[in-house]
């Protein structure tokens, strides 16, 4: 009985993981095909989902997968940044989301071993640079 329950839980967890990956791939395809004014929000949502995956992967001691997911967070944050600049009405929400994600990455870094901190710190720094650029676009004098 216990063995069959373990197998069932394993199959369920595997199916849930593949379903989440398919859902993420669908969301990426939808974001790439979306109207320009819808892209910043979709890319931010993808980056936030990847950030949750980063936290879960580090907790599960899957450091290599977590570092790959950290790179995805940066990639989709950059896409959100670029899309927000193209659609200026989305600057504020994108900046707020980038600030929150950068803070989560800084908090996460403090819980990691020294070897795992560098990519997370680099990602946090990159998100801060993107955020600062958005602030400059929002409050700059057009210079």
Protein backbone atom coordinates (compact mmCIF):
# COMPACT_ATOMS: atom_id res chain seq x y z
CA UNK A 1 0.00 0.00 0.00
CA UNK A 2 2.73 2.44 0.98
CA UNK A 3 4.76 1.61 -2.12
CA UNK A 4 1.82 2.22 -4.46
CA UNK A 5 1.09 5.52 -2.70
CA UNK A 6 4.69 6.61 -3.19
CA UNK A 7 4.57 5.68 -6.87
CA UNK A 8 1.28 7.52 -7.32
CA UNK A 9 2.70 10.65 -5.67
CA UNK A 10 5.79 10.47 -7.86
CA UNK A 11 3.70 10.17 -11.02
CA UNK A 12 1.49 13.04 -9.89
CA UNK A 13 4.48 15.28 -9.12
CA UNK A 14 6.07 14.47 -12.48
CA UNK A 15 2.84 15.23 -14.31
CA UNK A 16 2.42 18.50 -12.42
CA UNK A 17 5.99 19.52 -13.29
CA UNK A 18 5.54 18.79 -16.98
CA UNK A 19 2.16 20.58 -16.96
CA UNK A 20 3.77 23.65 -15.38
CA UNK A 21 6.56 23.59 -17.98
CA UNK A 22 4.01 23.35 -20.80
CA UNK A 23 2.00 26.17 -19.27
CA UNK A 24 5.14 28.32 -19.09
CA UNK A 25 6.02 27.54 -22.71
CA UNK A 26 2.47 28.47 -23.75
CA UNK A 27 2.76 31.73 -21.85
CA UNK A 28 6.09 32.52 -23.53
CA UNK A 29 4.60 31.88 -26.97
CA UNK A 30 1.59 34.03 -26.09
CA UNK A 31 3.83 36.87 -24.87
CA UNK A 32 5.94 36.79 -28.01
CA UNK A 33 2.79 36.98 -30.16
CA UNK A 34 0.94 39.53 -28.02
CA UNK A 35 0.23 43.13 -28.86
CA UNK A 36 3.09 45.46 -27.84
CA UNK A 37 1.09 47.04 -25.00
CA UNK A 38 0.36 43.59 -23.50
CA UNK A 39 3.92 42.28 -23.58
CA UNK A 40 5.37 43.97 -20.47
CA UNK A 41 2.80 42.37 -18.17
CA UNK A 42 3.16 38.96 -19.74
CA UNK A 43 6.95 39.02 -19.60
CA UNK A 44 6.85 40.16 -15.98
CA UNK A 45 4.51 37.30 -15.12
CA UNK A 46 6.89 34.83 -16.77
CA UNK A 47 9.83 36.30 -14.84
CA UNK A 48 7.88 36.09 -11.57
CA UNK A 49 7.00 32.45 -12.21
CA UNK A 50 10.63 31.69 -12.92
CA UNK A 51 11.60 33.46 -9.70
CA UNK A 52 9.26 31.17 -7.76
CA UNK A 53 10.87 28.23 -9.53
CA UNK A 54 14.32 29.54 -8.50
CA UNK A 55 13.30 29.55 -4.85
CA UNK A 56 11.88 26.02 -5.10
CA UNK A 57 14.91 24.68 -6.95
CA UNK A 58 17.37 26.10 -4.44
CA UNK A 59 15.27 24.60 -1.62
CA UNK A 60 15.41 21.23 -3.40
CA UNK A 61 19.22 21.55 -3.76
CA UNK A 62 19.02 21.63 -7.57
CA UNK A 63 21.54 24.42 -7.85
CA UNK A 64 22.35 24.06 -11.56
CA UNK A 65 18.67 24.18 -12.53
CA UNK A 66 18.17 27.14 -10.20
CA UNK A 67 21.00 29.09 -11.83
CA UNK A 68 19.44 28.41 -15.24
CA UNK A 69 16.11 29.69 -13.93
CA UNK A 70 17.86 32.80 -12.55
CA UNK A 71 19.13 33.50 -16.07
CA UNK A 72 15.55 33.13 -17.32
CA UNK A 73 14.37 35.68 -14.75
CA UNK A 74 16.90 38.17 -16.11
CA UNK A 75 16.05 37.37 -19.74
CA UNK A 76 12.32 37.91 -19.31
CA UNK A 77 12.86 40.96 -17.13
CA UNK A 78 14.93 42.47 -19.93
CA UNK A 79 12.17 41.67 -22.42
CA UNK A 80 9.62 43.30 -20.09
CA UNK A 81 11.88 46.35 -19.78
CA UNK A 82 12.22 46.67 -23.55
CA UNK A 83 8.49 46.17 -24.10
CA UNK A 84 7.66 48.74 -21.40
CA UNK A 85 9.85 51.33 -23.07
CA UNK A 86 8.06 50.66 -26.34
CA UNK A 87 4.71 51.05 -24.56
CA UNK A 88 5.27 53.95 -22.11
CA UNK A 89 2.00 53.48 -20.22
CA UNK A 90 3.42 50.28 -18.74
CA UNK A 91 6.60 51.81 -17.30
CA UNK A 92 5.35 52.23 -13.73
CA UNK A 93 3.97 48.71 -13.26
CA UNK A 94 7.05 47.18 -14.83
CA UNK A 95 9.35 49.22 -12.59
CA UNK A 96 7.44 48.17 -9.48
CA UNK A 97 7.59 44.50 -10.45
CA UNK A 98 11.32 44.70 -11.19
CA UNK A 99 11.93 46.32 -7.80
CA UNK A 100 10.04 43.56 -6.00
CA UNK A 101 11.85 40.81 -7.90
CA UNK A 102 15.24 42.38 -7.22
CA UNK A 103 14.40 42.52 -3.52
CA UNK A 104 13.35 38.85 -3.53
CA UNK A 105 16.61 37.92 -5.21
CA UNK A 106 18.59 39.86 -2.58
CA UNK A 107 16.67 38.11 0.19
CA UNK A 108 17.20 34.74 -1.47
CA UNK A 109 20.93 35.39 -1.81
CA UNK A 110 21.25 35.71 1.95
CA UNK A 111 19.94 32.16 2.41
CA UNK A 112 22.34 30.53 -0.04
CA UNK A 113 25.82 29.13 0.31
CA UNK A 114 28.67 31.37 -0.77
CA UNK A 115 29.17 29.49 -4.06
CA UNK A 116 25.54 30.01 -5.10
CA UNK A 117 25.34 33.70 -4.23
CA UNK A 118 27.20 35.18 -7.22
CA UNK A 119 24.64 34.45 -9.99
CA UNK A 120 21.77 35.58 -7.76
CA UNK A 121 23.59 38.81 -6.88
CA UNK A 122 24.38 39.45 -10.55
CA UNK A 123 20.71 38.93 -11.45
CA UNK A 124 19.59 41.27 -8.68
CA UNK A 125 22.07 43.91 -9.87
CA UNK A 126 20.84 43.56 -13.46
CA UNK A 127 17.20 43.95 -12.40
CA UNK A 128 18.16 47.06 -10.43
CA UNK A 129 19.89 48.48 -13.51
CA UNK A 130 16.77 47.82 -15.60
CA UNK A 131 14.61 49.42 -12.92
CA UNK A 132 16.86 52.48 -12.73
CA UNK A 133 16.66 52.86 -16.49
CA UNK A 134 12.85 52.76 -16.33
CA UNK A 135 12.88 55.41 -13.60
CA UNK A 136 15.09 57.59 -15.78
CA UNK A 137 12.62 57.19 -18.65
CA UNK A 138 9.70 58.07 -16.37
CA UNK A 139 11.22 61.08 -14.65
CA UNK A 140 13.93 62.19 -17.05
CA UNK A 141 13.57 65.49 -18.85
CA UNK A 142 13.82 63.83 -22.24
CA UNK A 143 17.59 64.19 -22.29
